[in-house]
Amino acid sequence: MLKSELLSFLKAHPDTAIRFELPDGQLSPPHAHVTEVARIDKHFIDCGGTVRKESLCRLQTWVADDVDHRLSAKKLAGIIEKGSVITGPDDLEVDVEHDVGFVTQFPVASTRQVGNEIILSLSGRHTACLAPELCCPPQPESTIVPFGRKK
């Protein structure tokens, strides 16, 4: 989800509480809040030798002992807008850094309102070869076997 799309949704529901839904369907505690906004710039070379750049807006969450804390859509929109000093004018994809026993990042896939809460649905992120035509050997169709089946 782009930063502009998220801000638009948040501003349309300013008094609504925010919850984060992990890819497994588990919801963050209602007192989770956003502690930082960052711009992440990644400049890299893939296995095929192509130089690439990616940028995104990262929101870091934190769950503290303050169980009375509630993050509203208006407050989150304000945090994201203050972060624009760092993220700049680019309409970046947004992801959420969250502690699930280890720190990991989840792209924001969608938003929805459920009762008096806005649910930010987070999706998984996976690695992939970016140059399969250069570094993965071609396989004849007959040798491709679905995982778990014997030929």
N, C-alpha and C. Protein backbone atom coordinates (compact mmCIF):
# COMPACT_ATOMS: atom_id res chain seq x y z
N MET A 1 0.85 -1.17 0.00
CA MET A 1 0.00 0.00 0.00
C MET A 1 0.90 1.23 0.00
N LEU A 2 0.52 2.20 -0.77
CA LEU A 2 1.27 3.45 -0.85
C LEU A 2 0.95 4.36 0.33
N LYS A 3 1.91 5.20 0.68
CA LYS A 3 1.75 6.13 1.80
C LYS A 3 0.52 7.02 1.60
N SER A 4 0.29 7.49 0.38
CA SER A 4 -0.86 8.37 0.11
C SER A 4 -2.18 7.64 0.34
N GLU A 5 -2.24 6.35 -0.04
CA GLU A 5 -3.46 5.56 0.16
C GLU A 5 -3.73 5.36 1.64
N LEU A 6 -2.69 5.05 2.40
CA LEU A 6 -2.85 4.86 3.84
C LEU A 6 -3.29 6.15 4.51
N LEU A 7 -2.64 7.25 4.19
CA LEU A 7 -3.03 8.55 4.78
C LEU A 7 -4.47 8.92 4.45
N SER A 8 -4.88 8.70 3.24
CA SER A 8 -6.25 9.01 2.83
C SER A 8 -7.26 8.21 3.66
N PHE A 9 -6.99 6.92 3.86
CA PHE A 9 -7.89 6.07 4.65
C PHE A 9 -7.91 6.52 6.10
N LEU A 10 -6.74 6.80 6.66
CA LEU A 10 -6.67 7.24 8.06
C LEU A 10 -7.42 8.55 8.27
N LYS A 11 -7.25 9.49 7.36
CA LYS A 11 -7.91 10.80 7.49
C LYS A 11 -9.42 10.70 7.33
N ALA A 12 -9.90 9.70 6.62
CA ALA A 12 -11.34 9.50 6.45
C ALA A 12 -11.99 8.93 7.72
N HIS A 13 -11.18 8.40 8.65
CA HIS A 13 -11.68 7.78 9.88
C HIS A 13 -10.86 8.25 11.08
N PRO A 14 -10.79 9.55 11.35
CA PRO A 14 -9.83 10.08 12.31
C PRO A 14 -9.96 9.58 13.76
N ASP A 15 -11.15 9.28 14.20
CA ASP A 15 -11.35 8.89 15.60
C ASP A 15 -11.36 7.38 15.82
N THR A 16 -10.93 6.64 14.83
CA THR A 16 -10.96 5.18 14.88
C THR A 16 -9.62 4.66 15.40
N ALA A 17 -9.67 3.63 16.25
CA ALA A 17 -8.46 3.00 16.79
C ALA A 17 -7.78 2.15 15.72
N ILE A 18 -6.47 1.98 15.86
CA ILE A 18 -5.67 1.22 14.90
C ILE A 18 -5.27 -0.12 15.50
N ARG A 19 -5.36 -1.17 14.68
CA ARG A 19 -4.84 -2.50 15.03
C ARG A 19 -4.06 -3.02 13.83
N PHE A 20 -3.07 -3.84 14.07
CA PHE A 20 -2.26 -4.46 13.03
C PHE A 20 -2.59 -5.94 12.99
N GLU A 21 -2.87 -6.44 11.78
CA GLU A 21 -3.18 -7.86 11.60
C GLU A 21 -1.99 -8.53 10.91
N LEU A 22 -1.37 -9.46 11.61
CA LEU A 22 -0.23 -10.18 11.06
C LEU A 22 -0.69 -11.14 9.97
N PRO A 23 0.23 -11.59 9.13
CA PRO A 23 -0.16 -12.50 8.03
C PRO A 23 -0.89 -13.76 8.48
N ASP A 24 -0.66 -14.20 9.72
CA ASP A 24 -1.35 -15.40 10.22
C ASP A 24 -2.73 -15.10 10.80
N GLY A 25 -3.16 -13.84 10.71
CA GLY A 25 -4.49 -13.45 11.19
C GLY A 25 -4.49 -12.93 12.62
N GLN A 26 -3.39 -13.07 13.33
CA GLN A 26 -3.30 -12.59 14.71
C GLN A 26 -3.29 -11.07 14.73
N LEU A 27 -4.06 -10.49 15.66
CA LEU A 27 -4.11 -9.03 15.81
C LEU A 27 -3.13 -8.57 16.88
N SER A 28 -2.52 -7.42 16.63
CA SER A 28 -1.67 -6.82 17.64
C SER A 28 -2.54 -6.42 18.83
N PRO A 29 -1.95 -6.30 20.02
CA PRO A 29 -2.73 -5.79 21.15
C PRO A 29 -3.26 -4.39 20.84
N PRO A 30 -4.40 -4.03 21.41
CA PRO A 30 -4.97 -2.71 21.12
C PRO A 30 -4.09 -1.55 21.56
N HIS A 31 -3.14 -1.79 22.46
CA HIS A 31 -2.27 -0.71 22.94
C HIS A 31 -0.93 -0.63 22.20
N ALA A 32 -0.79 -1.35 21.09
CA ALA A 32 0.42 -1.23 20.25
C ALA A 32 0.43 0.17 19.64
N HIS A 33 1.60 0.73 19.52
CA HIS A 33 1.69 2.03 18.88
C HIS A 33 2.92 2.14 17.99
N VAL A 34 2.96 3.19 17.20
CA VAL A 34 4.05 3.40 16.24
C VAL A 34 5.08 4.31 16.89
N THR A 35 6.33 3.82 16.93
CA THR A 35 7.40 4.56 17.61
C THR A 35 8.36 5.26 16.66
N GLU A 36 8.32 4.90 15.38
CA GLU A 36 9.18 5.62 14.44
C GLU A 36 8.67 5.47 13.02
N VAL A 37 9.04 6.45 12.21
CA VAL A 37 8.79 6.44 10.77
C VAL A 37 10.16 6.57 10.11
N ALA A 38 10.43 5.72 9.14
CA ALA A 38 11.74 5.75 8.50
C ALA A 38 11.58 5.66 6.99
N ARG A 39 12.58 6.14 6.31
CA ARG A 39 12.72 5.90 4.87
C ARG A 39 13.85 4.89 4.74
N ILE A 40 13.55 3.78 4.09
CA ILE A 40 14.54 2.74 3.88
C ILE A 40 14.91 2.75 2.40
N ASP A 41 16.17 3.01 2.12
CA ASP A 41 16.69 3.00 0.75
C ASP A 41 17.64 1.82 0.62
N LYS A 42 17.37 0.98 -0.35
CA LYS A 42 18.20 -0.19 -0.60
C LYS A 42 18.78 -0.07 -1.99
N HIS A 43 20.10 -0.08 -2.08
CA HIS A 43 20.81 0.00 -3.35
C HIS A 43 21.64 -1.27 -3.43
N PHE A 44 21.36 -2.11 -4.43
CA PHE A 44 21.97 -3.44 -4.45
C PHE A 44 22.19 -3.93 -5.87
N ILE A 45 22.91 -5.01 -5.96
CA ILE A 45 23.12 -5.67 -7.25
C ILE A 45 22.57 -7.09 -7.12
N ASP A 46 21.80 -7.51 -8.11
CA ASP A 46 21.22 -8.86 -8.04
C ASP A 46 22.22 -9.89 -8.57
N CYS A 47 21.86 -11.16 -8.48
CA CYS A 47 22.76 -12.24 -8.87
C CYS A 47 23.06 -12.26 -10.36
N GLY A 48 22.30 -11.52 -11.15
CA GLY A 48 22.56 -11.42 -12.59
C GLY A 48 23.38 -10.21 -12.96
N GLY A 49 23.75 -9.38 -11.96
CA GLY A 49 24.59 -8.22 -12.21
C GLY A 49 23.84 -6.92 -12.44
N THR A 50 22.52 -6.91 -12.30
CA THR A 50 21.74 -5.68 -12.48
C THR A 50 21.72 -4.88 -11.19
N VAL A 51 22.09 -3.60 -11.29
CA VAL A 51 22.05 -2.71 -10.14
C VAL A 51 20.62 -2.23 -9.96
N ARG A 52 20.12 -2.29 -8.73
CA ARG A 52 18.73 -1.93 -8.44
C ARG A 52 18.65 -1.01 -7.24
N LYS A 53 17.53 -0.28 -7.16
CA LYS A 53 17.25 0.57 -6.01
C LYS A 53 15.80 0.37 -5.61
N GLU A 54 15.56 0.35 -4.33
CA GLU A 54 14.20 0.30 -3.78
C GLU A 54 14.14 1.28 -2.61
N SER A 55 12.99 1.88 -2.41
CA SER A 55 12.77 2.74 -1.26
C SER A 55 11.39 2.44 -0.70
N LEU A 56 11.27 2.56 0.62
CA LEU A 56 9.96 2.36 1.25
C LEU A 56 9.86 3.17 2.53
N CYS A 57 8.65 3.31 3.00
CA CYS A 57 8.35 3.99 4.25
C CYS A 57 8.08 2.90 5.29
N ARG A 58 8.86 2.91 6.36
CA ARG A 58 8.70 1.88 7.40
C ARG A 58 8.15 2.50 8.68
N LEU A 59 7.12 1.86 9.21
CA LEU A 59 6.55 2.22 10.51
C LEU A 59 6.98 1.15 11.51
N GLN A 60 7.59 1.56 12.60
CA GLN A 60 7.99 0.60 13.62
C GLN A 60 6.94 0.60 14.74
N THR A 61 6.48 -0.59 15.09
CA THR A 61 5.50 -0.71 16.18
C THR A 61 6.20 -1.11 17.46
N TRP A 62 5.49 -0.89 18.56
CA TRP A 62 6.00 -1.28 19.87
C TRP A 62 4.82 -1.57 20.76
N VAL A 63 4.92 -2.63 21.52
CA VAL A 63 3.89 -2.97 22.49
C VAL A 63 4.53 -2.84 23.87
N ALA A 64 4.05 -1.88 24.64
CA ALA A 64 4.61 -1.62 25.97
C ALA A 64 3.63 -2.06 27.05
N ASP A 65 3.98 -1.76 28.28
CA ASP A 65 3.12 -2.09 29.42
C ASP A 65 1.96 -1.11 29.58
N ASP A 66 1.96 -0.05 28.80
CA ASP A 66 0.92 0.98 28.87
C ASP A 66 -0.33 0.46 28.17
N VAL A 67 -1.12 -0.35 28.86
CA VAL A 67 -2.29 -0.98 28.24
C VAL A 67 -3.44 -0.02 27.99
N ASP A 68 -3.35 1.19 28.55
CA ASP A 68 -4.40 2.19 28.31
C ASP A 68 -4.14 3.00 27.05
N HIS A 69 -2.97 2.84 26.47
CA HIS A 69 -2.61 3.59 25.27
C HIS A 69 -3.42 3.09 24.08
N ARG A 70 -3.93 3.99 23.27
CA ARG A 70 -4.63 3.63 22.04
C ARG A 70 -4.17 4.57 20.94
N LEU A 71 -3.84 4.00 19.82
CA LEU A 71 -3.39 4.78 18.66
C LEU A 71 -4.59 5.02 17.76
N SER A 72 -4.93 6.28 17.56
CA SER A 72 -6.05 6.62 16.68
C SER A 72 -5.54 6.84 15.26
N ALA A 73 -6.45 6.79 14.33
CA ALA A 73 -6.11 7.05 12.93
C ALA A 73 -5.56 8.47 12.77
N LYS A 74 -6.15 9.42 13.47
CA LYS A 74 -5.69 10.81 13.40
C LYS A 74 -4.25 10.92 13.90
N LYS A 75 -3.95 10.24 15.01
CA LYS A 75 -2.61 10.28 15.58
C LYS A 75 -1.61 9.61 14.62
N LEU A 76 -1.97 8.46 14.06
CA LEU A 76 -1.06 7.78 13.13
C LEU A 76 -0.83 8.63 11.88
N ALA A 77 -1.87 9.25 11.36
CA ALA A 77 -1.70 10.13 10.20
C ALA A 77 -0.73 11.26 10.53
N GLY A 78 -0.86 11.82 11.74
CA GLY A 78 0.06 12.88 12.17
C GLY A 78 1.49 12.40 12.27
N ILE A 79 1.69 11.20 12.78
CA ILE A 79 3.03 10.63 12.89
C ILE A 79 3.64 10.44 11.50
N ILE A 80 2.85 9.91 10.57
CA ILE A 80 3.34 9.69 9.20
C ILE A 80 3.66 11.02 8.54
N GLU A 81 2.81 12.02 8.74
CA GLU A 81 3.06 13.33 8.14
C GLU A 81 4.31 13.98 8.74
N LYS A 82 4.54 13.86 10.05
CA LYS A 82 5.78 14.38 10.65
C LYS A 82 6.98 13.67 10.05
N GLY A 83 6.82 12.38 9.76
CA GLY A 83 7.90 11.59 9.17
C GLY A 83 8.21 11.99 7.74
N SER A 84 7.36 12.78 7.12
CA SER A 84 7.60 13.20 5.73
C SER A 84 8.88 14.01 5.60
N VAL A 85 9.35 14.58 6.71
CA VAL A 85 10.64 15.28 6.70
C VAL A 85 11.74 14.29 6.31
N ILE A 86 11.56 13.03 6.71
CA ILE A 86 12.53 11.97 6.42
C ILE A 86 12.17 11.21 5.15
N THR A 87 10.90 10.86 4.99
CA THR A 87 10.50 10.04 3.85
C THR A 87 10.45 10.82 2.55
N GLY A 88 10.32 12.14 2.64
CA GLY A 88 10.33 12.98 1.46
C GLY A 88 9.00 12.97 0.73
N PRO A 89 8.96 13.57 -0.45
CA PRO A 89 7.70 13.70 -1.20
C PRO A 89 7.30 12.44 -1.97
N ASP A 90 8.19 11.45 -2.02
CA ASP A 90 7.89 10.23 -2.78
C ASP A 90 6.72 9.48 -2.17
N ASP A 91 5.88 8.93 -3.03
CA ASP A 91 4.74 8.12 -2.57
C ASP A 91 5.22 6.68 -2.45
N LEU A 92 5.79 6.36 -1.30
CA LEU A 92 6.46 5.09 -1.07
C LEU A 92 5.50 4.01 -0.60
N GLU A 93 5.86 2.76 -0.89
CA GLU A 93 5.18 1.62 -0.29
C GLU A 93 5.44 1.68 1.21
N VAL A 94 4.46 1.22 2.00
CA VAL A 94 4.57 1.24 3.46
C VAL A 94 4.69 -0.18 3.98
N ASP A 95 5.64 -0.37 4.90
CA ASP A 95 5.68 -1.63 5.62
C ASP A 95 5.77 -1.35 7.11
N VAL A 96 5.57 -2.39 7.89
CA VAL A 96 5.54 -2.27 9.35
C VAL A 96 6.59 -3.20 9.93
N GLU A 97 7.45 -2.63 10.76
CA GLU A 97 8.43 -3.42 11.49
C GLU A 97 7.79 -3.79 12.82
N HIS A 98 7.73 -5.09 13.10
CA HIS A 98 6.99 -5.58 14.25
C HIS A 98 7.77 -6.69 14.94
N ASP A 99 7.70 -6.74 16.24
CA ASP A 99 8.40 -7.76 17.02
C ASP A 99 7.45 -8.93 17.26
N VAL A 100 7.78 -10.08 16.68
CA VAL A 100 7.00 -11.31 16.87
C VAL A 100 7.90 -12.38 17.47
N GLY A 101 8.70 -11.98 18.49
CA GLY A 101 9.71 -12.85 19.04
C GLY A 101 11.05 -12.60 18.37
N PHE A 102 11.02 -11.99 17.23
CA PHE A 102 12.16 -11.46 16.49
C PHE A 102 11.61 -10.31 15.66
N VAL A 103 12.47 -9.38 15.30
CA VAL A 103 12.00 -8.21 14.55
C VAL A 103 11.93 -8.57 13.07
N THR A 104 10.79 -8.29 12.47
CA THR A 104 10.61 -8.56 11.04
C THR A 104 9.76 -7.46 10.43
N GLN A 105 9.73 -7.41 9.11
CA GLN A 105 8.98 -6.37 8.40
C GLN A 105 7.90 -7.02 7.55
N PHE A 106 6.74 -6.37 7.57
CA PHE A 106 5.58 -6.85 6.83
C PHE A 106 5.03 -5.71 5.98
N PRO A 107 4.87 -5.90 4.67
CA PRO A 107 4.21 -4.87 3.86
C PRO A 107 2.76 -4.68 4.29
N VAL A 108 2.28 -3.45 4.22
CA VAL A 108 0.86 -3.18 4.48
C VAL A 108 0.11 -3.57 3.21
N ALA A 109 -0.74 -4.58 3.32
CA ALA A 109 -1.46 -5.10 2.15
C ALA A 109 -2.77 -4.37 1.92
N SER A 110 -3.50 -4.07 3.01
CA SER A 110 -4.80 -3.43 2.87
C SER A 110 -5.25 -2.85 4.20
N THR A 111 -6.30 -2.06 4.14
CA THR A 111 -6.92 -1.50 5.33
C THR A 111 -8.41 -1.79 5.27
N ARG A 112 -9.00 -1.93 6.45
CA ARG A 112 -10.46 -2.09 6.51
C ARG A 112 -10.92 -1.61 7.88
N GLN A 113 -12.15 -1.18 7.92
CA GLN A 113 -12.73 -0.75 9.19
C GLN A 113 -13.64 -1.87 9.69
N VAL A 114 -13.43 -2.25 10.94
CA VAL A 114 -14.25 -3.27 11.59
C VAL A 114 -14.71 -2.66 12.90
N GLY A 115 -15.99 -2.30 12.97
CA GLY A 115 -16.50 -1.64 14.16
C GLY A 115 -15.79 -0.32 14.38
N ASN A 116 -15.23 -0.15 15.59
CA ASN A 116 -14.53 1.11 15.90
C ASN A 116 -13.02 0.98 15.74
N GLU A 117 -12.57 0.02 14.90
CA GLU A 117 -11.15 -0.16 14.66
C GLU A 117 -10.83 -0.18 13.17
N ILE A 118 -9.66 0.35 12.85
CA ILE A 118 -9.10 0.20 11.51
C ILE A 118 -8.07 -0.92 11.62
N ILE A 119 -8.20 -1.89 10.76
CA ILE A 119 -7.27 -3.01 10.72
C ILE A 119 -6.31 -2.79 9.55
N LEU A 120 -5.03 -2.71 9.87
CA LEU A 120 -4.00 -2.66 8.83
C LEU A 120 -3.54 -4.10 8.63
N SER A 121 -3.94 -4.71 7.53
CA SER A 121 -3.57 -6.10 7.23
C SER A 121 -2.16 -6.13 6.66
N LEU A 122 -1.33 -6.92 7.29
CA LEU A 122 0.07 -7.03 6.88
C LEU A 122 0.27 -8.35 6.14
N SER A 123 1.09 -8.31 5.10
CA SER A 123 1.35 -9.53 4.34
C SER A 123 2.79 -9.96 4.55
N GLY A 124 3.09 -11.17 4.13
CA GLY A 124 4.45 -11.67 4.24
C GLY A 124 5.32 -11.15 3.13
N ARG A 125 6.59 -11.24 3.36
CA ARG A 125 7.57 -10.86 2.35
C ARG A 125 8.45 -12.08 2.11
N HIS A 126 8.79 -12.33 0.86
CA HIS A 126 9.58 -13.51 0.52
C HIS A 126 10.76 -13.12 -0.36
N THR A 127 11.81 -13.89 -0.28
CA THR A 127 12.95 -13.67 -1.16
C THR A 127 12.68 -14.33 -2.51
N ALA A 128 13.40 -13.88 -3.52
CA ALA A 128 13.25 -14.45 -4.86
C ALA A 128 14.51 -14.16 -5.66
N CYS A 129 14.79 -14.97 -6.63
CA CYS A 129 15.86 -14.70 -7.57
C CYS A 129 15.34 -13.65 -8.56
N LEU A 130 16.08 -12.57 -8.72
CA LEU A 130 15.64 -11.49 -9.62
C LEU A 130 16.16 -11.67 -11.05
N ALA A 131 17.00 -12.65 -11.26
CA ALA A 131 17.54 -12.90 -12.60
C ALA A 131 17.53 -14.39 -12.91
N PRO A 132 16.36 -15.03 -12.84
CA PRO A 132 16.32 -16.49 -13.05
C PRO A 132 16.78 -16.91 -14.44
N GLU A 133 16.57 -16.05 -15.42
CA GLU A 133 16.98 -16.40 -16.79
C GLU A 133 18.50 -16.44 -16.94
N LEU A 134 19.22 -15.80 -16.01
CA LEU A 134 20.68 -15.78 -16.07
C LEU A 134 21.36 -16.79 -15.14
N CYS A 135 20.74 -17.08 -14.03
CA CYS A 135 21.46 -17.90 -13.06
C CYS A 135 20.79 -19.23 -12.71
N CYS A 136 19.60 -19.46 -13.17
CA CYS A 136 18.95 -20.74 -12.91
C CYS A 136 18.97 -21.57 -14.18
N PRO A 137 19.44 -22.80 -14.10
CA PRO A 137 19.49 -23.63 -15.31
C PRO A 137 18.09 -23.93 -15.83
N PRO A 138 17.91 -23.88 -17.15
CA PRO A 138 16.60 -24.22 -17.70
C PRO A 138 16.31 -25.70 -17.47
N GLN A 139 15.05 -26.00 -17.19
CA GLN A 139 14.65 -27.37 -16.96
C GLN A 139 13.60 -27.74 -17.98
N PRO A 140 13.77 -28.90 -18.63
CA PRO A 140 12.72 -29.35 -19.55
C PRO A 140 11.42 -29.57 -18.77
N GLU A 141 10.32 -29.32 -19.40
CA GLU A 141 9.00 -29.45 -18.77
C GLU A 141 8.82 -30.81 -18.09
N SER A 142 9.34 -31.86 -18.68
CA SER A 142 9.13 -33.21 -18.16
C SER A 142 9.86 -33.46 -16.85
N THR A 143 10.86 -32.65 -16.49
CA THR A 143 11.60 -32.88 -15.24
C THR A 143 11.04 -32.09 -14.08
N ILE A 144 10.09 -31.24 -14.31
CA ILE A 144 9.49 -30.46 -13.22
C ILE A 144 8.47 -31.31 -12.52
N VAL A 145 8.71 -31.55 -11.24
CA VAL A 145 7.85 -32.41 -10.43
C VAL A 145 7.33 -31.60 -9.26
N PRO A 146 6.01 -31.57 -9.03
CA PRO A 146 5.48 -30.83 -7.88
C PRO A 146 6.13 -31.30 -6.60
N PHE A 147 6.36 -30.37 -5.69
CA PHE A 147 7.00 -30.68 -4.42
C PHE A 147 6.23 -31.77 -3.69
N GLY A 148 6.97 -32.75 -3.18
CA GLY A 148 6.35 -33.82 -2.41
C GLY A 148 5.90 -35.01 -3.24
N ARG A 149 6.01 -34.93 -4.54
CA ARG A 149 5.60 -36.05 -5.40
C ARG A 149 6.83 -36.66 -6.05
N LYS A 150 6.77 -37.94 -6.27
CA LYS A 150 7.87 -38.61 -6.95
C LYS A 150 7.51 -38.76 -8.42
N LYS A 151 8.52 -38.70 -9.22
CA LYS A 151 8.31 -38.83 -10.67
C LYS A 151 8.14 -40.27 -11.05
